[in-house]
N, C-alpha and C. Protein backbone atom coordinates (compact mmCIF):
# COMPACT_ATOMS: atom_id res chain seq x y z
N MET A 1 -2.56 -13.66 -13.21
CA MET A 1 -3.96 -13.65 -12.84
C MET A 1 -4.32 -12.33 -12.16
N TYR A 2 -3.55 -11.94 -11.19
CA TYR A 2 -3.79 -10.69 -10.49
C TYR A 2 -2.90 -9.57 -11.02
N ASN A 3 -2.16 -9.84 -12.06
CA ASN A 3 -1.24 -8.87 -12.66
C ASN A 3 -0.22 -8.37 -11.64
N LEU A 4 0.31 -9.29 -10.86
CA LEU A 4 1.31 -8.94 -9.85
C LEU A 4 2.70 -8.93 -10.48
N SER A 5 3.48 -7.93 -10.14
CA SER A 5 4.84 -7.82 -10.65
C SER A 5 5.76 -8.77 -9.88
N ASP A 6 6.99 -8.87 -10.34
CA ASP A 6 7.98 -9.69 -9.63
C ASP A 6 8.19 -9.18 -8.21
N MET A 7 8.21 -7.86 -8.05
CA MET A 7 8.39 -7.28 -6.72
C MET A 7 7.17 -7.58 -5.84
N ASP A 8 5.97 -7.50 -6.42
CA ASP A 8 4.76 -7.84 -5.66
C ASP A 8 4.85 -9.28 -5.16
N MET A 9 5.27 -10.18 -6.06
CA MET A 9 5.37 -11.59 -5.69
C MET A 9 6.44 -11.81 -4.61
N GLU A 10 7.54 -11.08 -4.72
CA GLU A 10 8.59 -11.19 -3.71
C GLU A 10 8.06 -10.76 -2.34
N ALA A 11 7.31 -9.66 -2.31
CA ALA A 11 6.73 -9.18 -1.05
C ALA A 11 5.70 -10.17 -0.52
N LEU A 12 4.87 -10.70 -1.41
CA LEU A 12 3.84 -11.66 -1.01
C LEU A 12 4.47 -12.91 -0.41
N LYS A 13 5.50 -13.43 -1.07
CA LYS A 13 6.19 -14.62 -0.55
C LYS A 13 6.79 -14.36 0.83
N LEU A 14 7.37 -13.18 1.01
CA LEU A 14 7.96 -12.84 2.30
C LEU A 14 6.89 -12.77 3.38
N MET A 15 5.75 -12.18 3.07
CA MET A 15 4.66 -12.10 4.05
C MET A 15 4.09 -13.48 4.34
N LEU A 16 4.01 -14.34 3.32
CA LEU A 16 3.51 -15.70 3.55
C LEU A 16 4.45 -16.48 4.45
N SER A 17 5.74 -16.28 4.29
CA SER A 17 6.70 -17.06 5.08
C SER A 17 6.99 -16.47 6.46
N GLU A 18 6.92 -15.15 6.58
CA GLU A 18 7.33 -14.53 7.85
C GLU A 18 6.23 -13.80 8.59
N GLY A 19 5.07 -13.66 7.99
CA GLY A 19 3.96 -13.01 8.68
C GLY A 19 3.82 -11.55 8.32
N PRO A 20 3.01 -10.82 9.10
CA PRO A 20 2.70 -9.42 8.80
C PRO A 20 3.91 -8.49 8.92
N PHE A 21 3.84 -7.40 8.16
CA PHE A 21 4.89 -6.37 8.16
C PHE A 21 4.27 -4.98 8.13
N LYS A 22 4.95 -4.02 8.73
CA LYS A 22 4.66 -2.62 8.45
C LYS A 22 5.34 -2.30 7.12
N ALA A 23 4.82 -1.32 6.40
CA ALA A 23 5.37 -0.99 5.08
C ALA A 23 6.86 -0.65 5.16
N ASP A 24 7.25 0.11 6.16
CA ASP A 24 8.67 0.48 6.31
C ASP A 24 9.56 -0.75 6.49
N ASP A 25 9.10 -1.66 7.34
CA ASP A 25 9.89 -2.87 7.61
C ASP A 25 9.99 -3.75 6.37
N LEU A 26 8.89 -3.85 5.65
CA LEU A 26 8.89 -4.65 4.42
C LEU A 26 9.82 -4.02 3.38
N ALA A 27 9.78 -2.70 3.27
CA ALA A 27 10.68 -2.00 2.34
C ALA A 27 12.14 -2.28 2.68
N ASP A 28 12.46 -2.24 3.97
CA ASP A 28 13.83 -2.54 4.40
C ASP A 28 14.23 -3.96 4.03
N ARG A 29 13.34 -4.91 4.28
CA ARG A 29 13.65 -6.32 3.99
C ARG A 29 13.83 -6.56 2.50
N LEU A 30 13.04 -5.84 1.68
CA LEU A 30 13.11 -6.02 0.24
C LEU A 30 14.20 -5.17 -0.40
N GLY A 31 14.74 -4.22 0.37
CA GLY A 31 15.74 -3.31 -0.18
C GLY A 31 15.15 -2.38 -1.23
N ARG A 32 13.91 -1.98 -1.00
CA ARG A 32 13.19 -1.11 -1.94
C ARG A 32 12.76 0.17 -1.25
N ASP A 33 12.44 1.17 -2.06
CA ASP A 33 11.94 2.44 -1.54
C ASP A 33 10.57 2.23 -0.91
N ARG A 34 10.32 2.92 0.19
CA ARG A 34 9.05 2.77 0.90
C ARG A 34 7.85 3.07 0.00
N SER A 35 7.95 4.11 -0.83
CA SER A 35 6.81 4.47 -1.68
C SER A 35 6.51 3.37 -2.71
N THR A 36 7.55 2.72 -3.21
CA THR A 36 7.36 1.61 -4.15
C THR A 36 6.67 0.44 -3.47
N VAL A 37 7.11 0.12 -2.27
CA VAL A 37 6.51 -0.98 -1.52
C VAL A 37 5.08 -0.63 -1.14
N TYR A 38 4.83 0.62 -0.76
CA TYR A 38 3.48 1.04 -0.40
C TYR A 38 2.53 0.88 -1.58
N ARG A 39 2.95 1.29 -2.78
CA ARG A 39 2.10 1.13 -3.97
C ARG A 39 1.83 -0.35 -4.24
N SER A 40 2.84 -1.16 -4.06
CA SER A 40 2.69 -2.60 -4.25
C SER A 40 1.67 -3.16 -3.25
N LEU A 41 1.79 -2.74 -1.99
CA LEU A 41 0.85 -3.21 -0.97
C LEU A 41 -0.57 -2.76 -1.27
N GLN A 42 -0.73 -1.52 -1.71
CA GLN A 42 -2.06 -1.02 -2.05
C GLN A 42 -2.68 -1.86 -3.17
N LYS A 43 -1.88 -2.19 -4.18
CA LYS A 43 -2.37 -3.02 -5.28
C LYS A 43 -2.79 -4.39 -4.77
N MET A 44 -1.96 -4.99 -3.92
CA MET A 44 -2.28 -6.32 -3.42
C MET A 44 -3.49 -6.31 -2.48
N VAL A 45 -3.68 -5.22 -1.74
CA VAL A 45 -4.87 -5.08 -0.90
C VAL A 45 -6.10 -5.00 -1.80
N SER A 46 -6.02 -4.22 -2.88
CA SER A 46 -7.17 -4.10 -3.78
C SER A 46 -7.48 -5.41 -4.50
N CYS A 47 -6.46 -6.25 -4.70
CA CYS A 47 -6.64 -7.58 -5.31
C CYS A 47 -7.08 -8.62 -4.28
N GLN A 48 -7.13 -8.22 -3.03
CA GLN A 48 -7.52 -9.08 -1.91
C GLN A 48 -6.58 -10.26 -1.70
N VAL A 49 -5.29 -10.06 -1.99
CA VAL A 49 -4.29 -11.09 -1.65
C VAL A 49 -3.52 -10.68 -0.41
N VAL A 50 -3.71 -9.44 0.03
CA VAL A 50 -3.09 -8.91 1.25
C VAL A 50 -4.16 -8.16 2.03
N THR A 51 -4.10 -8.27 3.35
CA THR A 51 -5.02 -7.51 4.21
C THR A 51 -4.25 -6.38 4.87
N LYS A 52 -4.98 -5.35 5.24
CA LYS A 52 -4.41 -4.17 5.89
C LYS A 52 -5.14 -3.97 7.22
N GLU A 53 -4.38 -3.96 8.30
CA GLU A 53 -4.95 -3.78 9.63
C GLU A 53 -4.39 -2.51 10.25
N THR A 54 -5.28 -1.70 10.82
CA THR A 54 -4.86 -0.48 11.50
C THR A 54 -4.67 -0.78 12.98
N ARG A 55 -3.52 -0.39 13.49
CA ARG A 55 -3.23 -0.60 14.91
C ARG A 55 -2.94 0.75 15.56
N SER A 56 -3.36 0.88 16.82
CA SER A 56 -3.19 2.14 17.56
C SER A 56 -1.87 2.15 18.32
N LEU A 57 -1.30 3.35 18.39
CA LEU A 57 -0.10 3.57 19.20
C LEU A 57 -0.53 4.00 20.60
N GLU A 58 0.24 3.63 21.61
CA GLU A 58 -0.12 3.96 22.99
C GLU A 58 -0.23 5.46 23.22
N ARG A 59 0.64 6.24 22.60
CA ARG A 59 0.65 7.70 22.80
C ARG A 59 -0.20 8.44 21.78
N GLY A 60 -1.06 7.74 21.12
CA GLY A 60 -1.89 8.35 20.09
C GLY A 60 -1.32 8.07 18.71
N GLY A 61 -2.18 8.14 17.74
CA GLY A 61 -1.77 7.85 16.38
C GLY A 61 -2.01 6.39 16.04
N TYR A 62 -1.61 6.02 14.85
CA TYR A 62 -1.83 4.65 14.40
C TYR A 62 -0.81 4.29 13.33
N TYR A 63 -0.78 3.02 13.00
CA TYR A 63 0.05 2.53 11.90
C TYR A 63 -0.67 1.34 11.26
N HIS A 64 -0.22 0.94 10.10
CA HIS A 64 -0.85 -0.17 9.38
C HIS A 64 0.09 -1.36 9.32
N VAL A 65 -0.51 -2.53 9.41
CA VAL A 65 0.22 -3.78 9.27
C VAL A 65 -0.41 -4.55 8.12
N TYR A 66 0.43 -5.08 7.25
CA TYR A 66 -0.03 -5.79 6.06
C TYR A 66 0.32 -7.27 6.19
N ALA A 67 -0.64 -8.12 5.82
CA ALA A 67 -0.43 -9.57 5.90
C ALA A 67 -1.00 -10.24 4.66
N ALA A 68 -0.32 -11.26 4.19
CA ALA A 68 -0.83 -12.05 3.08
C ALA A 68 -2.02 -12.86 3.56
N VAL A 69 -3.01 -13.04 2.68
CA VAL A 69 -4.10 -13.96 3.02
C VAL A 69 -3.49 -15.36 3.11
N PRO A 70 -4.10 -16.25 3.87
CA PRO A 70 -3.54 -17.60 3.96
C PRO A 70 -3.38 -18.24 2.58
N ARG A 71 -2.34 -19.01 2.46
CA ARG A 71 -2.01 -19.65 1.18
C ARG A 71 -3.20 -20.45 0.63
N GLU A 72 -3.92 -21.15 1.51
CA GLU A 72 -5.06 -21.96 1.07
C GLU A 72 -6.15 -21.09 0.48
N VAL A 73 -6.39 -19.93 1.08
CA VAL A 73 -7.40 -19.00 0.57
C VAL A 73 -6.98 -18.48 -0.80
N LEU A 74 -5.72 -18.12 -0.92
CA LEU A 74 -5.20 -17.64 -2.20
C LEU A 74 -5.35 -18.72 -3.26
N ARG A 75 -5.01 -19.94 -2.92
CA ARG A 75 -5.13 -21.07 -3.86
C ARG A 75 -6.59 -21.26 -4.29
N ASP A 76 -7.52 -21.21 -3.34
CA ASP A 76 -8.94 -21.36 -3.66
C ASP A 76 -9.42 -20.25 -4.60
N ARG A 77 -8.99 -19.03 -4.35
CA ARG A 77 -9.38 -17.91 -5.22
C ARG A 77 -8.83 -18.09 -6.62
N LEU A 78 -7.58 -18.53 -6.72
CA LEU A 78 -6.99 -18.76 -8.04
C LEU A 78 -7.71 -19.90 -8.76
N ASP A 79 -8.04 -20.96 -8.04
CA ASP A 79 -8.80 -22.06 -8.65
C ASP A 79 -10.13 -21.56 -9.19
N HIS A 80 -10.80 -20.72 -8.40
CA HIS A 80 -12.09 -20.17 -8.82
C HIS A 80 -11.94 -19.32 -10.09
N CYS A 81 -10.90 -18.50 -10.14
CA CYS A 81 -10.65 -17.67 -11.32
C CYS A 81 -10.40 -18.53 -12.55
N VAL A 82 -9.64 -19.58 -12.39
CA VAL A 82 -9.35 -20.48 -13.52
C VAL A 82 -10.64 -21.17 -13.98
N GLU A 83 -11.46 -21.60 -13.05
CA GLU A 83 -12.73 -22.24 -13.41
C GLU A 83 -13.64 -21.27 -14.18
N GLU A 84 -13.72 -20.02 -13.70
CA GLU A 84 -14.53 -19.02 -14.41
C GLU A 84 -13.99 -18.77 -15.81
N TRP A 85 -12.67 -18.65 -15.93
CA TRP A 85 -12.05 -18.43 -17.23
C TRP A 85 -12.35 -19.60 -18.15
N HIS A 86 -12.22 -20.81 -17.66
CA HIS A 86 -12.49 -22.00 -18.46
C HIS A 86 -13.93 -22.01 -18.95
N SER A 87 -14.87 -21.67 -18.08
CA SER A 87 -16.29 -21.63 -18.47
C SER A 87 -16.53 -20.61 -19.57
N ARG A 88 -15.93 -19.44 -19.44
CA ARG A 88 -16.10 -18.40 -20.46
C ARG A 88 -15.52 -18.82 -21.80
N VAL A 89 -14.33 -19.42 -21.77
CA VAL A 89 -13.70 -19.85 -23.02
C VAL A 89 -14.52 -20.96 -23.67
N THR A 90 -15.03 -21.89 -22.88
CA THR A 90 -15.87 -22.96 -23.41
C THR A 90 -17.11 -22.38 -24.07
N MET A 91 -17.75 -21.41 -23.43
CA MET A 91 -18.93 -20.77 -23.99
C MET A 91 -18.59 -20.07 -25.31
N LEU A 92 -17.47 -19.37 -25.36
CA LEU A 92 -17.06 -18.69 -26.59
C LEU A 92 -16.78 -19.68 -27.71
N LEU A 93 -16.18 -20.80 -27.39
CA LEU A 93 -15.93 -21.83 -28.40
C LEU A 93 -17.23 -22.42 -28.92
N GLU A 94 -18.20 -22.62 -28.04
CA GLU A 94 -19.50 -23.12 -28.47
C GLU A 94 -20.19 -22.12 -29.40
N ARG A 95 -20.13 -20.84 -29.06
CA ARG A 95 -20.70 -19.81 -29.94
C ARG A 95 -19.99 -19.77 -31.28
N PHE A 96 -18.67 -19.93 -31.25
CA PHE A 96 -17.90 -19.97 -32.48
C PHE A 96 -18.38 -21.12 -33.37
N ASP A 97 -18.54 -22.30 -32.78
CA ASP A 97 -19.02 -23.45 -33.54
C ASP A 97 -20.40 -23.18 -34.12
N GLU A 98 -21.29 -22.58 -33.33
CA GLU A 98 -22.64 -22.27 -33.81
C GLU A 98 -22.58 -21.28 -34.97
N ASP A 99 -21.74 -20.26 -34.84
CA ASP A 99 -21.59 -19.27 -35.91
C ASP A 99 -21.04 -19.91 -37.18
N MET A 100 -20.09 -20.80 -37.04
CA MET A 100 -19.49 -21.46 -38.20
C MET A 100 -20.49 -22.39 -38.86
N ASP A 101 -21.33 -23.05 -38.06
CA ASP A 101 -22.35 -23.95 -38.60
C ASP A 101 -23.41 -23.19 -39.39
N SER A 102 -23.64 -21.94 -39.04
CA SER A 102 -24.69 -21.17 -39.71
C SER A 102 -24.21 -20.54 -41.02
N LEU A 103 -22.96 -20.69 -41.36
CA LEU A 103 -22.44 -20.12 -42.61
C LEU A 103 -22.83 -20.93 -43.81
């Protein structure tokens, strides 16, 4: 549905079960390169299945923490996508029937 890879799903499951992570910490837990995990996180943020929060450091600077949206929210979004898909397919089938009837 969101075109998530196996690695994306592995990261998402880890965040759902253990909470927010910094990209470096998540990369360590997954045994993956930081840049690979960062790209995965960016994709999941753009798909709105992960949130990104900026936190400040005491001595200046900042870092980002990534968290999965709550499971219930994710489930509701997936249900909505399936309902929209079903409506579109039903409409296309109705048009197909109309086109076939006009032959």
